[in-house]
Each structure stands twice: as structure tokens, then as C-alpha cells.
Amino acid sequence: MPFLRGHHLICLNFFKGEGYSKEFVEALFSVLSSEKFTISEGFDDVCKACPGWQGLQKGCSTYGEDYIRRIDSLALSLLKFKPGDKVSWNEVRERLKSTIGNWKKEVCSDCEWVRVCSESQEWREWK
């Protein structure tokens, strides 16, 4: 059962395989194919495959670990999950439908991937 950190619970719902190396895309689709996963605090199975991951001492070099931890915390708060919870994609999506508006306002306006996400039907329908 894979481990996922807070913001990956939200962002992977809109992942389409764009803009990353073949190896990283394959790792993400592998995580997405799991029915259930465990919520982690910090480093997860996506980080493990990410070319921007600089190890446990430094964290995410792409966005900075402080920022990533802040949005992880926001994601878990919005979705009402905590580290150690074992959840399914269906549970995440059901909760996300009513909280995505807050996420968009707080996180997505500054995200380089907002164009990709905004092309999905769920992005347009979920409030």
C-alpha cells in the first residue's frame, strides 16, 4: 500500500502525465492504480520517484519543503484526514468535491500546473 502526503491527495486527482520524465510518470501512475493508500506526514512514494527530491535532510528542491509542508497541512485540514489514515481514492474524491474551491483559492493560483488541472471535467464541476 503506497504512502501519500497531503497535497498529493489533491493534486494527483488531476494528473495527466504531462511535463515529467518517463520514469516519474510511470511511478505516479503506479500510485494512482492503487485502490488504497496510507497518508504520510512528509516524504511519500511520489517524492521517492521525483527528480526534485533532495533527500530527507533537504526535502523538495522544486518548491521548498516549508511550502510543501504548509500545503500538505492545508490539504489534510480541508479533507479531514490525518497521517496514518488508510483511505481510498473514492474517499478522497468525495471529500474533495466540496472543498476544492478553498484549495484553488489558497494554492492553485500560484501553481504552474493549474492549466492542466483546469482542463479536467472534475476541476470544472467540483466546487
C-alpha atoms as a PDB file:
ATOM      1  CA  MET A   1       0.000   0.000   0.000  1.00  0.00           C
ATOM      2  CA  PRO A   2       1.622   3.290  -1.095  1.00  0.00           C
ATOM      3  CA  PHE A   3       2.158   6.290   1.167  1.00  0.00           C
ATOM      4  CA  LEU A   4       0.893   9.733   0.072  1.00  0.00           C
ATOM      5  CA  ARG A   5       1.410  13.135   1.661  1.00  0.00           C
ATOM      6  CA  GLY A   6      -1.335  15.757   1.941  1.00  0.00           C
ATOM      7  CA  HIS A   7      -1.078  17.788  -1.237  1.00  0.00           C
ATOM      8  CA  HIS A   8      -0.631  14.662  -3.379  1.00  0.00           C
ATOM      9  CA  LEU A   9      -4.104  13.567  -2.223  1.00  0.00           C
ATOM     10  CA  ILE A  10      -5.498  16.545  -4.117  1.00  0.00           C
ATOM     11  CA  CYS A  11      -3.080  17.152  -6.965  1.00  0.00           C
ATOM     12  CA  LEU A  12      -2.935  13.568  -8.217  1.00  0.00           C
ATOM     13  CA  ASN A  13      -6.669  13.710  -8.938  1.00  0.00           C
ATOM     14  CA  PHE A  14      -5.819  15.954 -11.888  1.00  0.00           C
ATOM     15  CA  PHE A  15      -2.561  14.340 -13.026  1.00  0.00           C
ATOM     16  CA  LYS A  16      -2.473  13.575 -16.765  1.00  0.00           C
ATOM     17  CA  GLY A  17       1.149  12.541 -17.277  1.00  0.00           C
ATOM     18  CA  GLU A  18       2.371  15.840 -18.690  1.00  0.00           C
ATOM     19  CA  GLY A  19       5.684  17.565 -18.142  1.00  0.00           C
ATOM     20  CA  TYR A  20       7.667  14.908 -16.298  1.00  0.00           C
ATOM     21  CA  SER A  21      10.233  12.240 -17.128  1.00  0.00           C
ATOM     22  CA  LYS A  22       9.003   8.839 -18.287  1.00  0.00           C
ATOM     23  CA  GLU A  23      10.198   7.217 -15.039  1.00  0.00           C
ATOM     24  CA  PHE A  24       8.409   9.731 -12.842  1.00  0.00           C
ATOM     25  CA  VAL A  25       5.171   9.454 -14.844  1.00  0.00           C
ATOM     26  CA  GLU A  26       5.268   5.661 -14.525  1.00  0.00           C
ATOM     27  CA  ALA A  27       5.769   5.962 -10.759  1.00  0.00           C
ATOM     28  CA  LEU A  28       2.807   8.334 -10.460  1.00  0.00           C
ATOM     29  CA  PHE A  29       0.523   6.089 -12.487  1.00  0.00           C
ATOM     30  CA  SER A  30       1.616   3.177 -10.299  1.00  0.00           C
ATOM     31  CA  VAL A  31       0.500   5.088  -7.193  1.00  0.00           C
ATOM     32  CA  LEU A  32      -2.760   6.067  -8.900  1.00  0.00           C
ATOM     33  CA  SER A  33      -3.504   2.435  -9.709  1.00  0.00           C
ATOM     34  CA  SER A  34      -3.615   1.512  -6.007  1.00  0.00           C
ATOM     35  CA  GLU A  35      -7.091   1.397  -4.548  1.00  0.00           C
ATOM     36  CA  LYS A  36      -5.990   2.301  -1.023  1.00  0.00           C
ATOM     37  CA  PHE A  37      -3.018   4.089   0.477  1.00  0.00           C
ATOM     38  CA  THR A  38      -1.706   5.369   3.790  1.00  0.00           C
ATOM     39  CA  ILE A  39      -1.432   9.084   4.462  1.00  0.00           C
ATOM     40  CA  SER A  40       2.100  10.084   5.396  1.00  0.00           C
ATOM     41  CA  GLU A  41       3.491  13.107   7.118  1.00  0.00           C
ATOM     42  CA  GLY A  42       6.125  14.365   4.716  1.00  0.00           C
ATOM     43  CA  PHE A  43       8.076  12.128   2.339  1.00  0.00           C
ATOM     44  CA  ASP A  44       5.931   9.653   0.369  1.00  0.00           C
ATOM     45  CA  ASP A  45       6.063   7.321  -2.626  1.00  0.00           C
ATOM     46  CA  VAL A  46       5.692  10.201  -5.072  1.00  0.00           C
ATOM     47  CA  CYS A  47       8.624  12.081  -3.506  1.00  0.00           C
ATOM     48  CA  LYS A  48      10.707   8.913  -3.736  1.00  0.00           C
ATOM     49  CA  ALA A  49      10.393   8.999  -7.546  1.00  0.00           C
ATOM     50  CA  CYS A  50      10.600  12.793  -8.000  1.00  0.00           C
ATOM     51  CA  PRO A  51      13.706  14.269  -9.640  1.00  0.00           C
ATOM     52  CA  GLY A  52      13.307  17.342  -7.396  1.00  0.00           C
ATOM     53  CA  TRP A  53      13.590  15.366  -4.163  1.00  0.00           C
ATOM     54  CA  GLN A  54      16.853  16.155  -2.382  1.00  0.00           C
ATOM     55  CA  GLY A  55      16.690  13.629   0.439  1.00  0.00           C
ATOM     56  CA  LEU A  56      15.202  13.694   3.906  1.00  0.00           C
ATOM     57  CA  GLN A  57      17.547  16.404   5.153  1.00  0.00           C
ATOM     58  CA  LYS A  58      16.657  18.908   2.401  1.00  0.00           C
ATOM     59  CA  GLY A  59      13.275  17.824   1.034  1.00  0.00           C
ATOM     60  CA  CYS A  60      11.682  19.285  -2.086  1.00  0.00           C
ATOM     61  CA  SER A  61      14.096  21.403  -4.122  1.00  0.00           C
ATOM     62  CA  THR A  62      11.427  22.431  -6.617  1.00  0.00           C
ATOM     63  CA  TYR A  63       9.104  24.296  -4.240  1.00  0.00           C
ATOM     64  CA  GLY A  64      10.898  24.205  -0.894  1.00  0.00           C
ATOM     65  CA  GLU A  65       9.995  21.818   1.882  1.00  0.00           C
ATOM     66  CA  ASP A  66       8.477  24.533   4.118  1.00  0.00           C
ATOM     67  CA  TYR A  67       5.964  25.447   1.412  1.00  0.00           C
ATOM     68  CA  ILE A  68       5.193  21.780   0.679  1.00  0.00           C
ATOM     69  CA  ARG A  69       4.578  21.050   4.366  1.00  0.00           C
ATOM     70  CA  ARG A  70       2.260  24.073   4.573  1.00  0.00           C
ATOM     71  CA  ILE A  71       0.118  22.882   1.662  1.00  0.00           C
ATOM     72  CA  ASP A  72       0.207  19.303   2.994  1.00  0.00           C
ATOM     73  CA  SER A  73      -1.263  20.597   6.239  1.00  0.00           C
ATOM     74  CA  LEU A  74      -3.913  22.597   4.382  1.00  0.00           C
ATOM     75  CA  ALA A  75      -4.871  19.565   2.276  1.00  0.00           C
ATOM     76  CA  LEU A  76      -5.274  17.331   5.331  1.00  0.00           C
ATOM     77  CA  SER A  77      -7.282  20.002   7.119  1.00  0.00           C
ATOM     78  CA  LEU A  78      -9.633  20.501   4.153  1.00  0.00           C
ATOM     79  CA  LEU A  79     -10.071  16.765   3.604  1.00  0.00           C
ATOM     80  CA  LYS A  80     -10.276  15.982   7.331  1.00  0.00           C
ATOM     81  CA  PHE A  81      -7.613  13.255   7.201  1.00  0.00           C
ATOM     82  CA  LYS A  82      -4.549  12.742   9.361  1.00  0.00           C
ATOM     83  CA  PRO A  83      -1.229  10.954   8.912  1.00  0.00           C
ATOM     84  CA  GLY A  84      -1.637   7.212   9.344  1.00  0.00           C
ATOM     85  CA  ASP A  85      -5.185   7.112   7.941  1.00  0.00           C
ATOM     86  CA  LYS A  86      -5.747   4.418   5.340  1.00  0.00           C
ATOM     87  CA  VAL A  87      -8.035   5.769   2.628  1.00  0.00           C
ATOM     88  CA  SER A  88      -9.207   5.112  -0.924  1.00  0.00           C
ATOM     89  CA  TRP A  89      -9.326   7.416  -3.929  1.00  0.00           C
ATOM     90  CA  ASN A  90     -13.128   7.354  -3.676  1.00  0.00           C
ATOM     91  CA  GLU A  91     -12.986   8.700  -0.113  1.00  0.00           C
ATOM     92  CA  VAL A  92     -10.598  11.453  -1.172  1.00  0.00           C
ATOM     93  CA  ARG A  93     -12.705  12.451  -4.174  1.00  0.00           C
ATOM     94  CA  GLU A  94     -15.939  12.561  -2.173  1.00  0.00           C
ATOM     95  CA  ARG A  95     -14.379  14.936   0.347  1.00  0.00           C
ATOM     96  CA  LEU A  96     -12.555  16.943  -2.308  1.00  0.00           C
ATOM     97  CA  LYS A  97     -15.736  17.759  -4.217  1.00  0.00           C
ATOM     98  CA  SER A  98     -16.910  20.156  -1.518  1.00  0.00           C
ATOM     99  CA  THR A  99     -13.523  21.633  -0.568  1.00  0.00           C
ATOM    100  CA  ILE A 100     -11.743  22.133  -3.889  1.00  0.00           C
ATOM    101  CA  GLY A 101     -12.812  25.786  -4.004  1.00  0.00           C
ATOM    102  CA  ASN A 102     -10.754  26.571  -0.916  1.00  0.00           C
ATOM    103  CA  TRP A 103      -7.777  24.665  -2.343  1.00  0.00           C
ATOM    104  CA  LYS A 104      -7.999  26.529  -5.654  1.00  0.00           C
ATOM    105  CA  LYS A 105      -8.064  29.866  -3.865  1.00  0.00           C
ATOM    106  CA  GLU A 106      -5.185  29.079  -1.492  1.00  0.00           C
ATOM    107  CA  VAL A 107      -2.836  27.013  -3.664  1.00  0.00           C
ATOM    108  CA  CYS A 108      -3.730  26.797  -7.343  1.00  0.00           C
ATOM    109  CA  SER A 109      -3.469  30.455  -8.298  1.00  0.00           C
ATOM    110  CA  ASP A 110       0.336  30.249  -7.950  1.00  0.00           C
ATOM    111  CA  CYS A 111       0.772  26.737  -9.355  1.00  0.00           C
ATOM    112  CA  GLU A 112       2.494  26.122 -12.678  1.00  0.00           C
ATOM    113  CA  TRP A 113       0.180  23.135 -13.344  1.00  0.00           C
ATOM    114  CA  VAL A 114      -3.154  24.958 -12.997  1.00  0.00           C
ATOM    115  CA  ARG A 115      -3.688  24.853 -16.779  1.00  0.00           C
ATOM    116  CA  VAL A 116      -3.501  21.052 -16.822  1.00  0.00           C
ATOM    117  CA  CYS A 117      -5.837  20.711 -13.844  1.00  0.00           C
ATOM    118  CA  SER A 118      -8.360  23.214 -15.161  1.00  0.00           C
ATOM    119  CA  GLU A 119      -8.824  21.146 -18.324  1.00  0.00           C
ATOM    120  CA  SER A 120     -10.421  18.269 -16.392  1.00  0.00           C
ATOM    121  CA  GLN A 121     -14.161  17.873 -16.022  1.00  0.00           C
ATOM    122  CA  GLU A 122     -13.868  17.366 -12.251  1.00  0.00           C
ATOM    123  CA  TRP A 123     -11.995  20.653 -11.880  1.00  0.00           C
ATOM    124  CA  ARG A 124     -14.863  22.487 -13.548  1.00  0.00           C
ATOM    125  CA  GLU A 125     -17.666  20.611 -11.739  1.00  0.00           C
ATOM    126  CA  TRP A 126     -16.337  20.370  -8.178  1.00  0.00           C
ATOM    127  CA  LYS A 127     -16.912  23.441  -6.032  1.00  0.00           C
END
